[in-house]
PDB file of N, CA and C in Angstrom:
ATOM      1  N   MET A   1     -18.783 -23.339  21.302  1.00  0.00           N
ATOM      2  CA  MET A   1     -17.563 -23.751  21.983  1.00  0.00           C
ATOM      3  C   MET A   1     -16.505 -24.067  20.934  1.00  0.00           C
ATOM      4  N   ILE A   2     -15.325 -23.554  21.143  1.00  0.00           N
ATOM      5  CA  ILE A   2     -14.219 -23.768  20.217  1.00  0.00           C
ATOM      6  C   ILE A   2     -13.445 -25.015  20.639  1.00  0.00           C
ATOM      7  N   LYS A   3     -13.174 -25.875  19.662  1.00  0.00           N
ATOM      8  CA  LYS A   3     -12.313 -27.026  19.923  1.00  0.00           C
ATOM      9  C   LYS A   3     -10.873 -26.600  19.670  1.00  0.00           C
ATOM     10  N   ALA A   4      -9.960 -27.124  20.447  1.00  0.00           N
ATOM     11  CA  ALA A   4      -8.552 -26.724  20.348  1.00  0.00           C
ATOM     12  C   ALA A   4      -8.008 -26.900  18.934  1.00  0.00           C
ATOM     13  N   GLY A   5      -8.403 -27.953  18.236  1.00  0.00           N
ATOM     14  CA  GLY A   5      -7.918 -28.204  16.882  1.00  0.00           C
ATOM     15  C   GLY A   5      -8.338 -27.155  15.873  1.00  0.00           C
ATOM     16  N   GLU A   6      -9.402 -26.422  16.168  1.00  0.00           N
ATOM     17  CA  GLU A   6      -9.860 -25.378  15.256  1.00  0.00           C
ATOM     18  C   GLU A   6      -8.972 -24.141  15.326  1.00  0.00           C
ATOM     19  N   LEU A   7      -8.296 -23.954  16.443  1.00  0.00           N
ATOM     20  CA  LEU A   7      -7.440 -22.781  16.628  1.00  0.00           C
ATOM     21  C   LEU A   7      -6.043 -23.103  16.108  1.00  0.00           C
ATOM     22  N   ARG A   8      -5.889 -23.113  14.797  1.00  0.00           N
ATOM     23  CA  ARG A   8      -4.621 -23.542  14.210  1.00  0.00           C
ATOM     24  C   ARG A   8      -3.848 -22.422  13.514  1.00  0.00           C
ATOM     25  N   HIS A   9      -4.326 -21.195  13.622  1.00  0.00           N
ATOM     26  CA  HIS A   9      -3.641 -20.054  13.019  1.00  0.00           C
ATOM     27  C   HIS A   9      -3.067 -19.172  14.128  1.00  0.00           C
ATOM     28  N   LYS A  10      -1.775 -18.941  14.091  1.00  0.00           N
ATOM     29  CA  LYS A  10      -1.128 -18.085  15.097  1.00  0.00           C
ATOM     30  C   LYS A  10      -1.141 -16.654  14.555  1.00  0.00           C
ATOM     31  N   ILE A  11      -1.914 -15.782  15.209  1.00  0.00           N
ATOM     32  CA  ILE A  11      -2.009 -14.393  14.775  1.00  0.00           C
ATOM     33  C   ILE A  11      -1.246 -13.498  15.744  1.00  0.00           C
ATOM     34  N   GLU A  12      -0.854 -12.345  15.249  1.00  0.00           N
ATOM     35  CA  GLU A  12      -0.246 -11.319  16.096  1.00  0.00           C
ATOM     36  C   GLU A  12      -1.238 -10.191  16.243  1.00  0.00           C
ATOM     37  N   VAL A  13      -1.501  -9.780  17.459  1.00  0.00           N
ATOM     38  CA  VAL A  13      -2.305  -8.588  17.707  1.00  0.00           C
ATOM     39  C   VAL A  13      -1.306  -7.488  18.036  1.00  0.00           C
ATOM     40  N   GLN A  14      -1.431  -6.371  17.317  1.00  0.00           N
ATOM     41  CA  GLN A  14      -0.516  -5.256  17.526  1.00  0.00           C
ATOM     42  C   GLN A  14      -1.258  -4.047  18.061  1.00  0.00           C
ATOM     43  N   LYS A  15      -0.532  -3.237  18.815  1.00  0.00           N
ATOM     44  CA  LYS A  15      -1.085  -2.031  19.428  1.00  0.00           C
ATOM     45  C   LYS A  15      -0.222  -0.845  19.003  1.00  0.00           C
ATOM     46  N   TYR A  16      -0.867   0.297  18.744  1.00  0.00           N
ATOM     47  CA  TYR A  16      -0.164   1.520  18.351  1.00  0.00           C
ATOM     48  C   TYR A  16       0.254   2.246  19.622  1.00  0.00           C
ATOM     49  N   VAL A  17       1.560   2.328  19.863  1.00  0.00           N
ATOM     50  CA  VAL A  17       2.053   2.878  21.127  1.00  0.00           C
ATOM     51  C   VAL A  17       3.061   4.001  20.899  1.00  0.00           C
ATOM     52  N   ARG A  18       3.208   4.829  21.923  1.00  0.00           N
ATOM     53  CA  ARG A  18       4.220   5.898  21.904  1.00  0.00           C
ATOM     54  C   ARG A  18       5.552   5.312  22.367  1.00  0.00           C
ATOM     55  N   VAL A  19       6.599   5.643  21.616  1.00  0.00           N
ATOM     56  CA  VAL A  19       7.947   5.202  21.973  1.00  0.00           C
ATOM     57  C   VAL A  19       8.910   6.365  21.783  1.00  0.00           C
ATOM     58  N   LYS A  20      10.031   6.284  22.441  1.00  0.00           N
ATOM     59  CA  LYS A  20      11.074   7.297  22.248  1.00  0.00           C
ATOM     60  C   LYS A  20      12.138   6.713  21.336  1.00  0.00           C
ATOM     61  N   ASN A  21      12.528   7.505  20.331  1.00  0.00           N
ATOM     62  CA  ASN A  21      13.580   7.041  19.430  1.00  0.00           C
ATOM     63  C   ASN A  21      14.953   7.315  20.035  1.00  0.00           C
ATOM     64  N   GLU A  22      16.001   7.030  19.260  1.00  0.00           N
ATOM     65  CA  GLU A  22      17.363   7.140  19.789  1.00  0.00           C
ATOM     66  C   GLU A  22      17.774   8.560  20.185  1.00  0.00           C
ATOM     67  N   VAL A  23      17.076   9.593  19.665  1.00  0.00           N
ATOM     68  CA  VAL A  23      17.378  10.979  20.052  1.00  0.00           C
ATOM     69  C   VAL A  23      16.419  11.506  21.106  1.00  0.00           C
ATOM     70  N   GLY A  24      15.562  10.644  21.617  1.00  0.00           N
ATOM     71  CA  GLY A  24      14.653  11.047  22.680  1.00  0.00           C
ATOM     72  C   GLY A  24      13.338  11.640  22.219  1.00  0.00           C
ATOM     73  N   GLU A  25      13.112  11.677  20.897  1.00  0.00           N
ATOM     74  CA  GLU A  25      11.841  12.188  20.390  1.00  0.00           C
ATOM     75  C   GLU A  25      10.762  11.127  20.559  1.00  0.00           C
ATOM     76  N   GLU A  26       9.570  11.583  20.871  1.00  0.00           N
ATOM     77  CA  GLU A  26       8.458  10.657  21.042  1.00  0.00           C
ATOM     78  C   GLU A  26       7.774  10.439  19.696  1.00  0.00           C
ATOM     79  N   THR A  27       7.639   9.176  19.305  1.00  0.00           N
ATOM     80  CA  THR A  27       6.950   8.810  18.071  1.00  0.00           C
ATOM     81  C   THR A  27       5.948   7.711  18.397  1.00  0.00           C
ATOM     82  N   LYS A  28       5.146   7.335  17.402  1.00  0.00           N
ATOM     83  CA  LYS A  28       4.199   6.233  17.583  1.00  0.00           C
ATOM     84  C   LYS A  28       4.521   5.150  16.568  1.00  0.00           C
ATOM     85  N   GLU A  29       4.374   3.909  17.001  1.00  0.00           N
ATOM     86  CA  GLU A  29       4.606   2.788  16.098  1.00  0.00           C
ATOM     87  C   GLU A  29       3.799   1.577  16.555  1.00  0.00           C
ATOM     88  N   TRP A  30       3.602   0.644  15.616  1.00  0.00           N
ATOM     89  CA  TRP A  30       2.895  -0.592  15.937  1.00  0.00           C
ATOM     90  C   TRP A  30       3.866  -1.540  16.623  1.00  0.00           C
ATOM     91  N   GLN A  31       3.429  -2.114  17.754  1.00  0.00           N
ATOM     92  CA  GLN A  31       4.237  -3.091  18.480  1.00  0.00           C
ATOM     93  C   GLN A  31       3.387  -4.313  18.811  1.00  0.00           C
ATOM     94  N   LEU A  32       4.067  -5.450  18.918  1.00  0.00           N
ATOM     95  CA  LEU A  32       3.389  -6.689  19.278  1.00  0.00           C
ATOM     96  C   LEU A  32       2.730  -6.541  20.645  1.00  0.00           C
ATOM     97  N   TYR A  33       1.448  -6.905  20.718  1.00  0.00           N
ATOM     98  CA  TYR A  33       0.717  -6.903  21.986  1.00  0.00           C
ATOM     99  C   TYR A  33       0.589  -8.337  22.501  1.00  0.00           C
ATOM    100  N   LYS A  34       0.076  -9.231  21.652  1.00  0.00           N
ATOM    101  CA  LYS A  34      -0.096 -10.644  22.023  1.00  0.00           C
ATOM    102  C   LYS A  34       0.000 -11.513  20.773  1.00  0.00           C
ATOM    103  N   LYS A  35       0.487 -12.743  20.949  1.00  0.00           N
ATOM    104  CA  LYS A  35       0.379 -13.774  19.918  1.00  0.00           C
ATOM    105  C   LYS A  35      -0.699 -14.724  20.402  1.00  0.00           C
ATOM    106  N   ILE A  36      -1.666 -15.014  19.539  1.00  0.00           N
ATOM    107  CA  ILE A  36      -2.850 -15.765  19.959  1.00  0.00           C
ATOM    108  C   ILE A  36      -3.177 -16.833  18.914  1.00  0.00           C
ATOM    109  N   TRP A  37      -3.572 -18.012  19.376  1.00  0.00           N
ATOM    110  CA  TRP A  37      -4.082 -19.037  18.470  1.00  0.00           C
ATOM    111  C   TRP A  37      -5.505 -18.665  18.082  1.00  0.00           C
ATOM    112  N   ALA A  38      -5.823 -18.824  16.790  1.00  0.00           N
ATOM    113  CA  ALA A  38      -7.115 -18.355  16.296  1.00  0.00           C
ATOM    114  C   ALA A  38      -7.630 -19.229  15.159  1.00  0.00           C
ATOM    115  N   LYS A  39      -8.895 -19.065  14.880  1.00  0.00           N
ATOM    116  CA  LYS A  39      -9.533 -19.648  13.701  1.00  0.00           C
ATOM    117  C   LYS A  39      -9.769 -18.475  12.756  1.00  0.00           C
ATOM    118  N   PHE A  40      -9.133 -18.504  11.600  1.00  0.00           N
ATOM    119  CA  PHE A  40      -9.163 -17.388  10.660  1.00  0.00           C
ATOM    120  C   PHE A  40     -10.003 -17.796   9.459  1.00  0.00           C
ATOM    121  N   ALA A  41     -11.010 -16.991   9.127  1.00  0.00           N
ATOM    122  CA  ALA A  41     -11.888 -17.341   8.011  1.00  0.00           C
ATOM    123  C   ALA A  41     -12.342 -16.099   7.268  1.00  0.00           C
ATOM    124  N   ASN A  42     -12.628 -16.284   5.990  1.00  0.00           N
ATOM    125  CA  ASN A  42     -13.219 -15.214   5.198  1.00  0.00           C
ATOM    126  C   ASN A  42     -14.667 -15.105   5.630  1.00  0.00           C
ATOM    127  N   ALA A  43     -15.082 -13.951   6.086  1.00  0.00           N
ATOM    128  CA  ALA A  43     -16.461 -13.753   6.565  1.00  0.00           C
ATOM    129  C   ALA A  43     -17.244 -12.951   5.546  1.00  0.00           C
ATOM    130  N   ASN A  44     -17.221 -13.391   4.310  1.00  0.00           N
ATOM    131  CA  ASN A  44     -17.869 -12.638   3.244  1.00  0.00           C
ATOM    132  C   ASN A  44     -19.376 -12.556   3.421  1.00  0.00           C
ATOM    133  N   ILE A  45     -19.920 -13.239   4.418  1.00  0.00           N
ATOM    134  CA  ILE A  45     -21.338 -13.097   4.721  1.00  0.00           C
ATOM    135  C   ILE A  45     -21.652 -11.655   5.070  1.00  0.00           C
ATOM    136  N   ARG A  46     -20.636 -10.935   5.565  1.00  0.00           N
ATOM    137  CA  ARG A  46     -20.812  -9.526   5.872  1.00  0.00           C
ATOM    138  C   ARG A  46     -20.323  -8.648   4.731  1.00  0.00           C
ATOM    139  N   GLY A  47     -19.835  -9.278   3.636  1.00  0.00           N
ATOM    140  CA  GLY A  47     -19.341  -8.495   2.511  1.00  0.00           C
ATOM    141  C   GLY A  47     -20.432  -7.581   1.987  1.00  0.00           C
ATOM    142  N   GLN A  48     -20.023  -6.445   1.493  1.00  0.00           N
ATOM    143  CA  GLN A  48     -21.011  -5.497   0.996  1.00  0.00           C
ATOM    144  C   GLN A  48     -20.385  -4.635  -0.077  1.00  0.00           C
ATOM    145  N   LEU A  49     -21.235  -4.050  -0.910  1.00  0.00           N
ATOM    146  CA  LEU A  49     -20.757  -3.105  -1.904  1.00  0.00           C
ATOM    147  C   LEU A  49     -20.879  -1.712  -1.341  1.00  0.00           C
ATOM    148  N   GLU A  50     -19.887  -0.908  -1.568  1.00  0.00           N
ATOM    149  CA  GLU A  50     -19.984   0.465  -1.099  1.00  0.00           C
ATOM    150  C   GLU A  50     -19.594   1.410  -2.229  1.00  0.00           C
ATOM    151  N   GLN A  51     -20.193   2.578  -2.216  1.00  0.00           N
ATOM    152  CA  GLN A  51     -19.879   3.594  -3.207  1.00  0.00           C
ATOM    153  C   GLN A  51     -18.603   4.302  -2.778  1.00  0.00           C
ATOM    154  N   ALA A  52     -17.623   4.340  -3.663  1.00  0.00           N
ATOM    155  CA  ALA A  52     -16.375   5.044  -3.361  1.00  0.00           C
ATOM    156  C   ALA A  52     -15.902   5.721  -4.636  1.00  0.00           C
ATOM    157  N   ALA A  53     -15.887   7.020  -4.611  1.00  0.00           N
ATOM    158  CA  ALA A  53     -15.445   7.815  -5.759  1.00  0.00           C
ATOM    159  C   ALA A  53     -16.191   7.417  -7.023  1.00  0.00           C
ATOM    160  N   GLU A  54     -17.482   7.284  -6.917  1.00  0.00           N
ATOM    161  CA  GLU A  54     -18.406   6.969  -8.010  1.00  0.00           C
ATOM    162  C   GLU A  54     -18.163   5.607  -8.646  1.00  0.00           C
ATOM    163  N   LYS A  55     -17.499   4.714  -7.947  1.00  0.00           N
ATOM    164  CA  LYS A  55     -17.368   3.348  -8.456  1.00  0.00           C
ATOM    165  C   LYS A  55     -17.627   2.383  -7.315  1.00  0.00           C
ATOM    166  N   LYS A  56     -18.133   1.219  -7.660  1.00  0.00           N
ATOM    167  CA  LYS A  56     -18.435   0.220  -6.639  1.00  0.00           C
ATOM    168  C   LYS A  56     -17.194  -0.623  -6.388  1.00  0.00           C
ATOM    169  N   THR A  57     -16.867  -0.799  -5.126  1.00  0.00           N
ATOM    170  CA  THR A  57     -15.744  -1.653  -4.753  1.00  0.00           C
ATOM    171  C   THR A  57     -16.218  -2.638  -3.695  1.00  0.00           C
ATOM    172  N   ALA A  58     -15.797  -3.869  -3.834  1.00  0.00           N
ATOM    173  CA  ALA A  58     -16.185  -4.885  -2.857  1.00  0.00           C
ATOM    174  C   ALA A  58     -15.271  -4.784  -1.647  1.00  0.00           C
ATOM    175  N   LYS A  59     -15.854  -4.834  -0.484  1.00  0.00           N
ATOM    176  CA  LYS A  59     -15.083  -4.814   0.762  1.00  0.00           C
ATOM    177  C   LYS A  59     -15.255  -6.186   1.399  1.00  0.00           C
ATOM    178  N   ILE A  60     -14.171  -6.890   1.574  1.00  0.00           N
ATOM    179  CA  ILE A  60     -14.241  -8.246   2.111  1.00  0.00           C
ATOM    180  C   ILE A  60     -13.896  -8.214   3.591  1.00  0.00           C
ATOM    181  N   PHE A  61     -14.757  -8.818   4.375  1.00  0.00           N
ATOM    182  CA  PHE A  61     -14.551  -8.886   5.818  1.00  0.00           C
ATOM    183  C   PHE A  61     -14.012 -10.259   6.188  1.00  0.00           C
ATOM    184  N   TYR A  62     -13.182 -10.287   7.200  1.00  0.00           N
ATOM    185  CA  TYR A  62     -12.632 -11.526   7.718  1.00  0.00           C
ATOM    186  C   TYR A  62     -13.071 -11.675   9.163  1.00  0.00           C
ATOM    187  N   LYS A  63     -13.382 -12.904   9.530  1.00  0.00           N
ATOM    188  CA  LYS A  63     -13.797 -13.193  10.901  1.00  0.00           C
ATOM    189  C   LYS A  63     -12.699 -14.031  11.542  1.00  0.00           C
ATOM    190  N   ILE A  64     -12.217 -13.558  12.669  1.00  0.00           N
ATOM    191  CA  ILE A  64     -11.186 -14.272  13.416  1.00  0.00           C
ATOM    192  C   ILE A  64     -11.789 -14.648  14.762  1.00  0.00           C
ATOM    193  N   VAL A  65     -11.781 -15.940  15.062  1.00  0.00           N
ATOM    194  CA  VAL A  65     -12.358 -16.432  16.314  1.00  0.00           C
ATOM    195  C   VAL A  65     -11.209 -16.820  17.246  1.00  0.00           C
ATOM    196  N   ILE A  66     -11.267 -16.292  18.472  1.00  0.00           N
ATOM    197  CA  ILE A  66     -10.262 -16.606  19.488  1.00  0.00           C
ATOM    198  C   ILE A  66     -10.980 -16.959  20.788  1.00  0.00           C
ATOM    199  N   ARG A  67     -10.250 -17.539  21.715  1.00  0.00           N
ATOM    200  CA  ARG A  67     -10.832 -17.749  23.045  1.00  0.00           C
ATOM    201  C   ARG A  67     -11.131 -16.383  23.647  1.00  0.00           C
ATOM    202  N   PHE A  68     -12.075 -16.318  24.567  1.00  0.00           N
ATOM    203  CA  PHE A  68     -12.532 -15.032  25.102  1.00  0.00           C
ATOM    204  C   PHE A  68     -11.386 -14.199  25.653  1.00  0.00           C
ATOM    205  N   ARG A  69     -11.383 -12.944  25.230  1.00  0.00           N
ATOM    206  CA  ARG A  69     -10.453 -11.941  25.754  1.00  0.00           C
ATOM    207  C   ARG A  69     -11.207 -10.629  25.825  1.00  0.00           C
ATOM    208  N   SER A  70     -10.989  -9.891  26.897  1.00  0.00           N
ATOM    209  CA  SER A  70     -11.641  -8.589  27.034  1.00  0.00           C
ATOM    210  C   SER A  70     -10.665  -7.442  26.785  1.00  0.00           C
ATOM    211  N   ASP A  71      -9.403  -7.774  26.492  1.00  0.00           N
ATOM    212  CA  ASP A  71      -8.380  -6.739  26.349  1.00  0.00           C
ATOM    213  C   ASP A  71      -8.072  -6.342  24.907  1.00  0.00           C
ATOM    214  N   ILE A  72      -8.803  -6.865  23.940  1.00  0.00           N
ATOM    215  CA  ILE A  72      -8.578  -6.517  22.537  1.00  0.00           C
ATOM    216  C   ILE A  72      -9.690  -5.586  22.082  1.00  0.00           C
ATOM    217  N   ASP A  73      -9.305  -4.520  21.360  1.00  0.00           N
ATOM    218  CA  ASP A  73     -10.303  -3.548  20.911  1.00  0.00           C
ATOM    219  C   ASP A  73     -10.003  -3.061  19.492  1.00  0.00           C
ATOM    220  N   THR A  74     -10.820  -2.147  19.011  1.00  0.00           N
ATOM    221  CA  THR A  74     -10.733  -1.686  17.625  1.00  0.00           C
ATOM    222  C   THR A  74      -9.588  -0.706  17.366  1.00  0.00           C
ATOM    223  N   THR A  75      -8.818  -0.354  18.384  1.00  0.00           N
ATOM    224  CA  THR A  75      -7.636   0.484  18.154  1.00  0.00           C
ATOM    225  C   THR A  75      -6.435  -0.370  17.760  1.00  0.00           C
ATOM    226  N   MET A  76      -6.600  -1.691  17.801  1.00  0.00           N
ATOM    227  CA  MET A  76      -5.516  -2.626  17.510  1.00  0.00           C
ATOM    228  C   MET A  76      -5.655  -3.165  16.094  1.00  0.00           C
ATOM    229  N   ARG A  77      -4.680  -3.963  15.681  1.00  0.00           N
ATOM    230  CA  ARG A  77      -4.742  -4.604  14.369  1.00  0.00           C
ATOM    231  C   ARG A  77      -4.183  -6.013  14.477  1.00  0.00           C
ATOM    232  N   VAL A  78      -4.436  -6.824  13.432  1.00  0.00           N
ATOM    233  CA  VAL A  78      -3.994  -8.216  13.393  1.00  0.00           C
ATOM    234  C   VAL A  78      -3.023  -8.386  12.231  1.00  0.00           C
ATOM    235  N   VAL A  79      -1.945  -9.133  12.459  1.00  0.00           N
ATOM    236  CA  VAL A  79      -1.024  -9.511  11.394  1.00  0.00           C
ATOM    237  C   VAL A  79      -1.058 -11.029  11.303  1.00  0.00           C
ATOM    238  N   TYR A  80      -1.300 -11.525  10.079  1.00  0.00           N
ATOM    239  CA  TYR A  80      -1.360 -12.971   9.862  1.00  0.00           C
ATOM    240  C   TYR A  80      -0.966 -13.255   8.416  1.00  0.00           C
ATOM    241  N   GLY A  81      -0.111 -14.212   8.214  1.00  0.00           N
ATOM    242  CA  GLY A  81       0.271 -14.621   6.866  1.00  0.00           C
ATOM    243  C   GLY A  81       0.892 -13.503   6.044  1.00  0.00           C
ATOM    244  N   GLY A  82       1.615 -12.605   6.705  1.00  0.00           N
ATOM    245  CA  GLY A  82       2.258 -11.512   5.993  1.00  0.00           C
ATOM    246  C   GLY A  82       1.327 -10.379   5.605  1.00  0.00           C
ATOM    247  N   LYS A  83       0.075 -10.456   6.035  1.00  0.00           N
ATOM    248  CA  LYS A  83      -0.902  -9.408   5.733  1.00  0.00           C
ATOM    249  C   LYS A  83      -1.379  -8.763   7.027  1.00  0.00           C
ATOM    250  N   THR A  84      -1.833  -7.517   6.900  1.00  0.00           N
ATOM    251  CA  THR A  84      -2.279  -6.756   8.062  1.00  0.00           C
ATOM    252  C   THR A  84      -3.760  -6.445   7.924  1.00  0.00           C
ATOM    253  N   TYR A  85      -4.494  -6.575   9.035  1.00  0.00           N
ATOM    254  CA  TYR A  85      -5.944  -6.397   9.050  1.00  0.00           C
ATOM    255  C   TYR A  85      -6.347  -5.409  10.137  1.00  0.00           C
ATOM    256  N   ASN A  86      -7.212  -4.465   9.779  1.00  0.00           N
ATOM    257  CA  ASN A  86      -7.817  -3.577  10.777  1.00  0.00           C
ATOM    258  C   ASN A  86      -8.862  -4.352  11.556  1.00  0.00           C
ATOM    259  N   ILE A  87      -8.946  -4.145  12.846  1.00  0.00           N
ATOM    260  CA  ILE A  87     -10.032  -4.718  13.641  1.00  0.00           C
ATOM    261  C   ILE A  87     -11.166  -3.697  13.630  1.00  0.00           C
ATOM    262  N   ASP A  88     -12.251  -4.034  12.934  1.00  0.00           N
ATOM    263  CA  ASP A  88     -13.387  -3.121  12.798  1.00  0.00           C
ATOM    264  C   ASP A  88     -14.429  -3.302  13.893  1.00  0.00           C
ATOM    265  N   HIS A  89     -14.545  -4.524  14.395  1.00  0.00           N
ATOM    266  CA  HIS A  89     -15.564  -4.807  15.413  1.00  0.00           C
ATOM    267  C   HIS A  89     -15.099  -5.984  16.263  1.00  0.00           C
ATOM    268  N   VAL A  90     -15.339  -5.909  17.559  1.00  0.00           N
ATOM    269  CA  VAL A  90     -15.008  -6.987  18.497  1.00  0.00           C
ATOM    270  C   VAL A  90     -16.307  -7.433  19.154  1.00  0.00           C
ATOM    271  N   ASP A  91     -16.578  -8.747  19.109  1.00  0.00           N
ATOM    272  CA  ASP A  91     -17.842  -9.265  19.619  1.00  0.00           C
ATOM    273  C   ASP A  91     -17.604 -10.411  20.599  1.00  0.00           C
ATOM    274  N   ASN A  92     -18.131 -10.278  21.808  1.00  0.00           N
ATOM    275  CA  ASN A  92     -18.139 -11.358  22.795  1.00  0.00           C
ATOM    276  C   ASN A  92     -19.325 -12.239  22.401  1.00  0.00           C
ATOM    277  N   ASP A  93     -19.043 -13.345  21.710  1.00  0.00           N
ATOM    278  CA  ASP A  93     -20.096 -14.175  21.125  1.00  0.00           C
ATOM    279  C   ASP A  93     -21.153 -14.567  22.152  1.00  0.00           C
ATOM    280  N   LYS A  94     -22.366 -14.137  21.913  1.00  0.00           N
ATOM    281  CA  LYS A  94     -23.543 -14.432  22.746  1.00  0.00           C
ATOM    282  C   LYS A  94     -23.359 -14.007  24.203  1.00  0.00           C
ATOM    283  N   GLU A  95     -22.395 -13.136  24.460  1.00  0.00           N
ATOM    284  CA  GLU A  95     -22.107 -12.632  25.815  1.00  0.00           C
ATOM    285  C   GLU A  95     -21.828 -13.761  26.811  1.00  0.00           C
ATOM    286  N   LEU A  96     -21.253 -14.861  26.323  1.00  0.00           N
ATOM    287  CA  LEU A  96     -20.981 -16.023  27.178  1.00  0.00           C
ATOM    288  C   LEU A  96     -19.559 -16.058  27.732  1.00  0.00           C
ATOM    289  N   ASN A  97     -18.718 -15.129  27.306  1.00  0.00           N
ATOM    290  CA  ASN A  97     -17.317 -15.090  27.736  1.00  0.00           C
ATOM    291  C   ASN A  97     -16.573 -16.387  27.416  1.00  0.00           C
ATOM    292  N   ILE A  98     -16.894 -16.972  26.253  1.00  0.00           N
ATOM    293  CA  ILE A  98     -16.224 -18.189  25.801  1.00  0.00           C
ATOM    294  C   ILE A  98     -15.349 -17.898  24.585  1.00  0.00           C
ATOM    295  N   GLU A  99     -15.912 -17.185  23.599  1.00  0.00           N
ATOM    296  CA  GLU A  99     -15.152 -16.823  22.413  1.00  0.00           C
ATOM    297  C   GLU A  99     -15.333 -15.351  22.084  1.00  0.00           C
ATOM    298  N   THR A 100     -14.310 -14.814  21.458  1.00  0.00           N
ATOM    299  CA  THR A 100     -14.361 -13.441  20.963  1.00  0.00           C
ATOM    300  C   THR A 100     -14.231 -13.502  19.454  1.00  0.00           C
ATOM    301  N   HIS A 101     -15.106 -12.782  18.752  1.00  0.00           N
ATOM    302  CA  HIS A 101     -15.047 -12.699  17.300  1.00  0.00           C
ATOM    303  C   HIS A 101     -14.495 -11.338  16.919  1.00  0.00           C
ATOM    304  N   LEU A 102     -13.461 -11.342  16.092  1.00  0.00           N
ATOM    305  CA  LEU A 102     -12.881 -10.105  15.573  1.00  0.00           C
ATOM    306  C   LEU A 102     -13.278  -9.998  14.103  1.00  0.00           C
ATOM    307  N   TYR A 103     -13.974  -8.940  13.737  1.00  0.00           N
ATOM    308  CA  TYR A 103     -14.344  -8.706  12.341  1.00  0.00           C
ATOM    309  C   TYR A 103     -13.364  -7.691  11.782  1.00  0.00           C
ATOM    310  N   CYS A 104     -12.644  -8.090  10.741  1.00  0.00           N
ATOM    311  CA  CYS A 104     -11.514  -7.300  10.251  1.00  0.00           C
ATOM    312  C   CYS A 104     -11.605  -7.061   8.749  1.00  0.00           C
ATOM    313  N   THR A 105     -10.891  -6.034   8.291  1.00  0.00           N
ATOM    314  CA  THR A 105     -10.726  -5.786   6.861  1.00  0.00           C
ATOM    315  C   THR A 105      -9.235  -5.729   6.561  1.00  0.00           C
ATOM    316  N   LEU A 106      -8.882  -6.214   5.372  1.00  0.00           N
ATOM    317  CA  LEU A 106      -7.495  -6.231   4.937  1.00  0.00           C
ATOM    318  C   LEU A 106      -7.020  -4.814   4.662  1.00  0.00           C
ATOM    319  N   ILE A 107      -5.828  -4.478   5.145  1.00  0.00           N
ATOM    320  CA  ILE A 107      -5.213  -3.184   4.847  1.00  0.00           C
ATOM    321  C   ILE A 107      -4.418  -3.358   3.563  1.00  0.00           C
ATOM    322  N   GLU A 108      -4.721  -2.540   2.567  1.00  0.00           N
ATOM    323  CA  GLU A 108      -4.017  -2.642   1.291  1.00  0.00           C
ATOM    324  C   GLU A 108      -2.562  -2.238   1.465  1.00  0.00           C
ATOM    325  N   GLU A 109      -1.684  -2.894   0.704  1.00  0.00           N
ATOM    326  CA  GLU A 109      -0.263  -2.560   0.778  1.00  0.00           C
ATOM    327  C   GLU A 109      -0.047  -1.123   0.364  1.00  0.00           C
ATOM    328  N   GLY A 110       0.854  -0.458   1.051  1.00  0.00           N
ATOM    329  CA  GLY A 110       1.155   0.927   0.722  1.00  0.00           C
ATOM    330  C   GLY A 110       0.233   1.930   1.389  1.00  0.00           C
ATOM    331  N   VAL A 111      -0.787   1.452   2.105  1.00  0.00           N
ATOM    332  CA  VAL A 111      -1.697   2.352   2.809  1.00  0.00           C
ATOM    333  C   VAL A 111      -1.210   2.470   4.240  1.00  0.00           C
ATOM    334  N   TYR A 112      -0.956   3.687   4.682  1.00  0.00           N
ATOM    335  CA  TYR A 112      -0.481   3.915   6.044  1.00  0.00           C
ATOM    336  C   TYR A 112      -1.649   3.777   6.992  1.00  0.00           C
ATOM    337  N   ASN A 113      -1.496   2.993   8.012  1.00  0.00           N
ATOM    338  CA  ASN A 113      -2.572   2.751   8.973  1.00  0.00           C
ATOM    339  C   ASN A 113      -2.180   3.318  10.320  1.00  0.00           C
ATOM    340  N   GLU A 114      -2.988   4.224  10.824  1.00  0.00           N
ATOM    341  CA  GLU A 114      -2.709   4.843  12.124  1.00  0.00           C
ATOM    342  C   GLU A 114      -3.849   4.641  13.069  1.00  0.00           C
TER     343      GLU A 114
END
């Protein structure tokens, strides 16, 4: 059970949507979906080493805990503290419909995320 005081980080959940620009062309862009109070933590318990281009790089996972929501999925992303995070996994904690855990990875600056 989450205590209200633990949810002290205001995160933005964004969704990739189709929009029409000023000339009527259809494009896609990230738009605000919801602003949600959350508990944001480094979840390095899931950290792992992976082989990438013959060198080992550490991938750090972040765990974001929010009150239960069924409308957030892995096609969305989180913006918090000026940084952007991919949502890699969404978990309804213990299937109790009380909290949702978002497991995310930081998107490096300059990397286009679609």
